[in-house]
């Protein structure tokens, strides 16, 4: 695949795609170190309430990666999972998926949030390069002995965002 190839991103609607996502999680870091298995991934992929949205990135029919975001609750715009197939890493797919979800999030919220395991250096580098800043450390949050880093990217305050939405309505 060419690094400049434009991928398609669409909602995940079928169990075959959900199974692929769960398999990718179960066979990838940080989920291996955090002791998450196929069943854990599948349970997450099947959650449809609470503002959860799951999207698949493809080139033609080839699955490249996926992203799950939460668009309701205290942290509207929380990117819960972003994963790229091992054979497709380093080709800009993560950035294309981030472009997509940030556009989606910033339609309804001025803030995008994500947690990243502190040992997941490649993911942390991607998010920092995109303007995400550290809000705090969550020690022993998912698994004892591991630290999650809570990051945020913002385009303004909530009040300014709401005021702009009202004036553009």
C-alpha atoms as a PDB file:
ATOM      1  CA  UNK A   1       0.000   0.000   0.000  1.00  0.00           C
ATOM      2  CA  UNK A   2       1.259   3.465  -0.860  1.00  0.00           C
ATOM      3  CA  UNK A   3       1.710   5.725   2.194  1.00  0.00           C
ATOM      4  CA  UNK A   4      -0.297   8.442   0.428  1.00  0.00           C
ATOM      5  CA  UNK A   5      -3.257   6.171  -0.382  1.00  0.00           C
ATOM      6  CA  UNK A   6      -6.624   7.566   0.664  1.00  0.00           C
ATOM      7  CA  UNK A   7      -8.539   5.146   2.804  1.00  0.00           C
ATOM      8  CA  UNK A   8     -12.267   4.900   3.415  1.00  0.00           C
ATOM      9  CA  UNK A   9     -13.628   5.045   6.939  1.00  0.00           C
ATOM     10  CA  UNK A  10     -17.147   3.894   7.769  1.00  0.00           C
ATOM     11  CA  UNK A  11     -19.231   2.678  10.715  1.00  0.00           C
ATOM     12  CA  UNK A  12     -18.728  -0.896  11.819  1.00  0.00           C
ATOM     13  CA  UNK A  13     -22.071  -2.639  11.486  1.00  0.00           C
ATOM     14  CA  UNK A  14     -21.434  -6.379  11.221  1.00  0.00           C
ATOM     15  CA  UNK A  15     -20.094  -9.130  13.461  1.00  0.00           C
ATOM     16  CA  UNK A  16     -17.345 -10.130  11.014  1.00  0.00           C
ATOM     17  CA  UNK A  17     -15.778  -6.675  11.358  1.00  0.00           C
ATOM     18  CA  UNK A  18     -16.276  -6.745  15.138  1.00  0.00           C
ATOM     19  CA  UNK A  19     -14.488 -10.114  15.306  1.00  0.00           C
ATOM     20  CA  UNK A  20     -11.594  -8.756  13.210  1.00  0.00           C
ATOM     21  CA  UNK A  21     -11.238  -5.800  15.581  1.00  0.00           C
ATOM     22  CA  UNK A  22     -11.298  -8.048  18.659  1.00  0.00           C
ATOM     23  CA  UNK A  23      -8.632 -10.289  17.094  1.00  0.00           C
ATOM     24  CA  UNK A  24      -6.442  -7.291  16.307  1.00  0.00           C
ATOM     25  CA  UNK A  25      -6.706  -6.077  19.896  1.00  0.00           C
ATOM     26  CA  UNK A  26      -5.970  -9.488  21.373  1.00  0.00           C
ATOM     27  CA  UNK A  27      -2.815  -9.872  19.275  1.00  0.00           C
ATOM     28  CA  UNK A  28      -1.409  -6.345  19.725  1.00  0.00           C
ATOM     29  CA  UNK A  29       0.178  -4.135  22.322  1.00  0.00           C
ATOM     30  CA  UNK A  30      -0.831  -2.578  24.604  1.00  0.00           C
ATOM     31  CA  UNK A  31      -3.656  -5.080  25.023  1.00  0.00           C
ATOM     32  CA  UNK A  32      -1.323  -8.075  25.404  1.00  0.00           C
ATOM     33  CA  UNK A  33       0.523  -6.447  28.325  1.00  0.00           C
ATOM     34  CA  UNK A  34      -2.773  -5.257  29.808  1.00  0.00           C
ATOM     35  CA  UNK A  35      -4.095  -8.837  29.690  1.00  0.00           C
ATOM     36  CA  UNK A  36      -6.995  -8.148  27.349  1.00  0.00           C
ATOM     37  CA  UNK A  37      -8.146 -11.074  25.218  1.00  0.00           C
ATOM     38  CA  UNK A  38     -10.428 -11.671  22.256  1.00  0.00           C
ATOM     39  CA  UNK A  39     -13.559 -11.864  24.435  1.00  0.00           C
ATOM     40  CA  UNK A  40     -12.723  -8.544  26.118  1.00  0.00           C
ATOM     41  CA  UNK A  41     -12.272  -6.922  22.716  1.00  0.00           C
ATOM     42  CA  UNK A  42     -15.455  -8.425  21.345  1.00  0.00           C
ATOM     43  CA  UNK A  43     -17.466  -7.209  24.349  1.00  0.00           C
ATOM     44  CA  UNK A  44     -16.168  -3.697  23.762  1.00  0.00           C
ATOM     45  CA  UNK A  45     -16.909  -3.815  20.034  1.00  0.00           C
ATOM     46  CA  UNK A  46     -20.521  -4.846  20.693  1.00  0.00           C
ATOM     47  CA  UNK A  47     -21.320  -1.873  22.939  1.00  0.00           C
ATOM     48  CA  UNK A  48     -23.650   0.401  21.017  1.00  0.00           C
ATOM     49  CA  UNK A  49     -25.263   2.468  23.768  1.00  0.00           C
ATOM     50  CA  UNK A  50     -23.829   5.417  25.662  1.00  0.00           C
ATOM     51  CA  UNK A  51     -22.719   7.254  22.562  1.00  0.00           C
ATOM     52  CA  UNK A  52     -20.198   4.644  21.445  1.00  0.00           C
ATOM     53  CA  UNK A  53     -19.263   4.784  17.756  1.00  0.00           C
ATOM     54  CA  UNK A  54     -16.927   2.333  16.002  1.00  0.00           C
ATOM     55  CA  UNK A  55     -15.351   2.923  12.582  1.00  0.00           C
ATOM     56  CA  UNK A  56     -13.315   0.714  10.243  1.00  0.00           C
ATOM     57  CA  UNK A  57     -10.540   1.992   7.970  1.00  0.00           C
ATOM     58  CA  UNK A  58     -10.234   0.175   4.649  1.00  0.00           C
ATOM     59  CA  UNK A  59      -8.424   0.300   1.366  1.00  0.00           C
ATOM     60  CA  UNK A  60     -10.888  -1.333  -0.997  1.00  0.00           C
ATOM     61  CA  UNK A  61     -12.030  -4.425   0.921  1.00  0.00           C
ATOM     62  CA  UNK A  62      -8.828  -4.722   2.970  1.00  0.00           C
ATOM     63  CA  UNK A  63      -9.276  -3.917   6.659  1.00  0.00           C
ATOM     64  CA  UNK A  64      -6.505  -1.625   7.872  1.00  0.00           C
ATOM     65  CA  UNK A  65      -7.551  -0.570  11.345  1.00  0.00           C
ATOM     66  CA  UNK A  66     -10.351   0.738  13.487  1.00  0.00           C
ATOM     67  CA  UNK A  67     -11.239   3.374  16.026  1.00  0.00           C
ATOM     68  CA  UNK A  68     -13.859   3.526  18.790  1.00  0.00           C
ATOM     69  CA  UNK A  69     -15.020   6.850  20.209  1.00  0.00           C
ATOM     70  CA  UNK A  70     -17.421   7.850  22.964  1.00  0.00           C
ATOM     71  CA  UNK A  71     -19.635  10.774  22.043  1.00  0.00           C
ATOM     72  CA  UNK A  72     -21.721  11.082  25.242  1.00  0.00           C
ATOM     73  CA  UNK A  73     -21.083  11.520  28.938  1.00  0.00           C
ATOM     74  CA  UNK A  74     -18.503  13.518  30.886  1.00  0.00           C
ATOM     75  CA  UNK A  75     -15.744  13.070  28.330  1.00  0.00           C
ATOM     76  CA  UNK A  76     -17.550  13.652  25.032  1.00  0.00           C
ATOM     77  CA  UNK A  77     -14.970  13.013  22.378  1.00  0.00           C
ATOM     78  CA  UNK A  78     -13.088  10.256  24.167  1.00  0.00           C
ATOM     79  CA  UNK A  79     -11.100   8.103  21.743  1.00  0.00           C
ATOM     80  CA  UNK A  80     -11.327   4.743  23.447  1.00  0.00           C
ATOM     81  CA  UNK A  81      -9.346   2.638  20.993  1.00  0.00           C
ATOM     82  CA  UNK A  82      -7.339   3.235  17.869  1.00  0.00           C
ATOM     83  CA  UNK A  83      -5.626   0.254  16.279  1.00  0.00           C
ATOM     84  CA  UNK A  84      -3.857  -0.315  12.974  1.00  0.00           C
ATOM     85  CA  UNK A  85      -3.093  -3.752  11.575  1.00  0.00           C
ATOM     86  CA  UNK A  86       0.560  -4.628  12.141  1.00  0.00           C
ATOM     87  CA  UNK A  87       1.254  -4.966   8.408  1.00  0.00           C
ATOM     88  CA  UNK A  88      -0.049  -1.425   7.811  1.00  0.00           C
ATOM     89  CA  UNK A  89       1.698   0.482  10.600  1.00  0.00           C
ATOM     90  CA  UNK A  90       3.928   3.404   9.697  1.00  0.00           C
ATOM     91  CA  UNK A  91       1.944   4.226   6.551  1.00  0.00           C
ATOM     92  CA  UNK A  92      -0.082   7.160   7.852  1.00  0.00           C
ATOM     93  CA  UNK A  93      -3.270   5.203   8.525  1.00  0.00           C
ATOM     94  CA  UNK A  94      -3.332   6.190  12.201  1.00  0.00           C
ATOM     95  CA  UNK A  95      -3.111   9.847  11.186  1.00  0.00           C
ATOM     96  CA  UNK A  96      -5.913   9.447   8.634  1.00  0.00           C
ATOM     97  CA  UNK A  97      -8.132   7.805  11.253  1.00  0.00           C
ATOM     98  CA  UNK A  98      -7.258  10.565  13.733  1.00  0.00           C
ATOM     99  CA  UNK A  99      -8.176  13.195  11.109  1.00  0.00           C
ATOM    100  CA  UNK A 100     -11.547  11.477  10.721  1.00  0.00           C
ATOM    101  CA  UNK A 101     -12.363  11.155  14.440  1.00  0.00           C
ATOM    102  CA  UNK A 102     -11.136  14.624  15.319  1.00  0.00           C
ATOM    103  CA  UNK A 103     -13.415  16.072  12.641  1.00  0.00           C
ATOM    104  CA  UNK A 104     -16.298  14.049  14.096  1.00  0.00           C
ATOM    105  CA  UNK A 105     -15.505  15.041  17.682  1.00  0.00           C
ATOM    106  CA  UNK A 106     -14.934  18.739  16.965  1.00  0.00           C
ATOM    107  CA  UNK A 107     -18.404  18.937  15.375  1.00  0.00           C
ATOM    108  CA  UNK A 108     -19.905  18.525  18.858  1.00  0.00           C
ATOM    109  CA  UNK A 109     -17.140  19.260  21.366  1.00  0.00           C
ATOM    110  CA  UNK A 110     -14.029  21.449  21.585  1.00  0.00           C
ATOM    111  CA  UNK A 111     -12.074  18.650  23.253  1.00  0.00           C
ATOM    112  CA  UNK A 112     -10.764  15.259  22.205  1.00  0.00           C
ATOM    113  CA  UNK A 113      -9.429  12.917  24.898  1.00  0.00           C
ATOM    114  CA  UNK A 114      -7.412   9.719  24.741  1.00  0.00           C
ATOM    115  CA  UNK A 115      -5.591   7.457  27.171  1.00  0.00           C
ATOM    116  CA  UNK A 116      -2.347   5.818  26.120  1.00  0.00           C
ATOM    117  CA  UNK A 117      -0.225   3.333  28.035  1.00  0.00           C
ATOM    118  CA  UNK A 118       3.036   4.980  29.023  1.00  0.00           C
ATOM    119  CA  UNK A 119       5.013   2.120  27.435  1.00  0.00           C
ATOM    120  CA  UNK A 120       3.236   2.561  24.072  1.00  0.00           C
ATOM    121  CA  UNK A 121       5.843   4.984  22.726  1.00  0.00           C
ATOM    122  CA  UNK A 122       4.758   4.954  19.070  1.00  0.00           C
ATOM    123  CA  UNK A 123       1.159   5.817  19.935  1.00  0.00           C
ATOM    124  CA  UNK A 124       2.265   8.508  22.380  1.00  0.00           C
ATOM    125  CA  UNK A 125       4.480  10.055  19.701  1.00  0.00           C
ATOM    126  CA  UNK A 126       1.552  10.072  17.212  1.00  0.00           C
ATOM    127  CA  UNK A 127      -0.746  11.852  19.671  1.00  0.00           C
ATOM    128  CA  UNK A 128       1.886  14.361  20.806  1.00  0.00           C
ATOM    129  CA  UNK A 129       2.692  15.193  17.161  1.00  0.00           C
ATOM    130  CA  UNK A 130      -1.011  15.897  16.643  1.00  0.00           C
ATOM    131  CA  UNK A 131      -1.118  18.399  19.512  1.00  0.00           C
ATOM    132  CA  UNK A 132      -2.371  16.226  22.378  1.00  0.00           C
ATOM    133  CA  UNK A 133      -1.141  17.340  25.789  1.00  0.00           C
ATOM    134  CA  UNK A 134      -0.758  15.392  29.006  1.00  0.00           C
ATOM    135  CA  UNK A 135      -3.512  16.033  31.551  1.00  0.00           C
ATOM    136  CA  UNK A 136      -2.491  13.426  34.078  1.00  0.00           C
ATOM    137  CA  UNK A 137      -1.220   9.971  34.893  1.00  0.00           C
ATOM    138  CA  UNK A 138      -3.496   7.130  35.951  1.00  0.00           C
ATOM    139  CA  UNK A 139      -1.266   4.684  37.808  1.00  0.00           C
ATOM    140  CA  UNK A 140      -2.492   1.112  38.239  1.00  0.00           C
ATOM    141  CA  UNK A 141      -5.659   2.071  36.352  1.00  0.00           C
ATOM    142  CA  UNK A 142      -6.165  -0.829  33.939  1.00  0.00           C
ATOM    143  CA  UNK A 143      -3.633  -3.242  35.381  1.00  0.00           C
ATOM    144  CA  UNK A 144      -1.391  -3.119  38.451  1.00  0.00           C
ATOM    145  CA  UNK A 145       2.069  -1.890  37.553  1.00  0.00           C
ATOM    146  CA  UNK A 146       1.002   0.026  34.437  1.00  0.00           C
ATOM    147  CA  UNK A 147       0.316   3.732  33.960  1.00  0.00           C
ATOM    148  CA  UNK A 148      -2.150   5.256  31.521  1.00  0.00           C
ATOM    149  CA  UNK A 149      -1.588   8.810  30.334  1.00  0.00           C
ATOM    150  CA  UNK A 150      -4.695  10.951  29.849  1.00  0.00           C
ATOM    151  CA  UNK A 151      -4.210  13.333  26.924  1.00  0.00           C
ATOM    152  CA  UNK A 152      -6.338  16.107  25.473  1.00  0.00           C
ATOM    153  CA  UNK A 153      -6.409  18.136  22.287  1.00  0.00           C
ATOM    154  CA  UNK A 154      -8.549  21.247  22.370  1.00  0.00           C
ATOM    155  CA  UNK A 155      -9.822  23.855  19.954  1.00  0.00           C
ATOM    156  CA  UNK A 156     -11.152  26.127  22.734  1.00  0.00           C
ATOM    157  CA  UNK A 157     -13.202  26.310  25.886  1.00  0.00           C
ATOM    158  CA  UNK A 158     -16.612  24.678  26.169  1.00  0.00           C
ATOM    159  CA  UNK A 159     -18.322  28.056  26.683  1.00  0.00           C
ATOM    160  CA  UNK A 160     -16.656  29.630  23.620  1.00  0.00           C
ATOM    161  CA  UNK A 161     -17.524  26.533  21.587  1.00  0.00           C
ATOM    162  CA  UNK A 162     -21.196  26.720  22.625  1.00  0.00           C
ATOM    163  CA  UNK A 163     -21.345  30.446  21.878  1.00  0.00           C
ATOM    164  CA  UNK A 164     -19.827  29.930  18.431  1.00  0.00           C
ATOM    165  CA  UNK A 165     -22.331  27.131  17.703  1.00  0.00           C
ATOM    166  CA  UNK A 166     -25.214  29.454  18.657  1.00  0.00           C
ATOM    167  CA  UNK A 167     -23.982  32.302  16.455  1.00  0.00           C
ATOM    168  CA  UNK A 168     -23.462  29.941  13.497  1.00  0.00           C
ATOM    169  CA  UNK A 169     -26.881  28.282  13.894  1.00  0.00           C
END
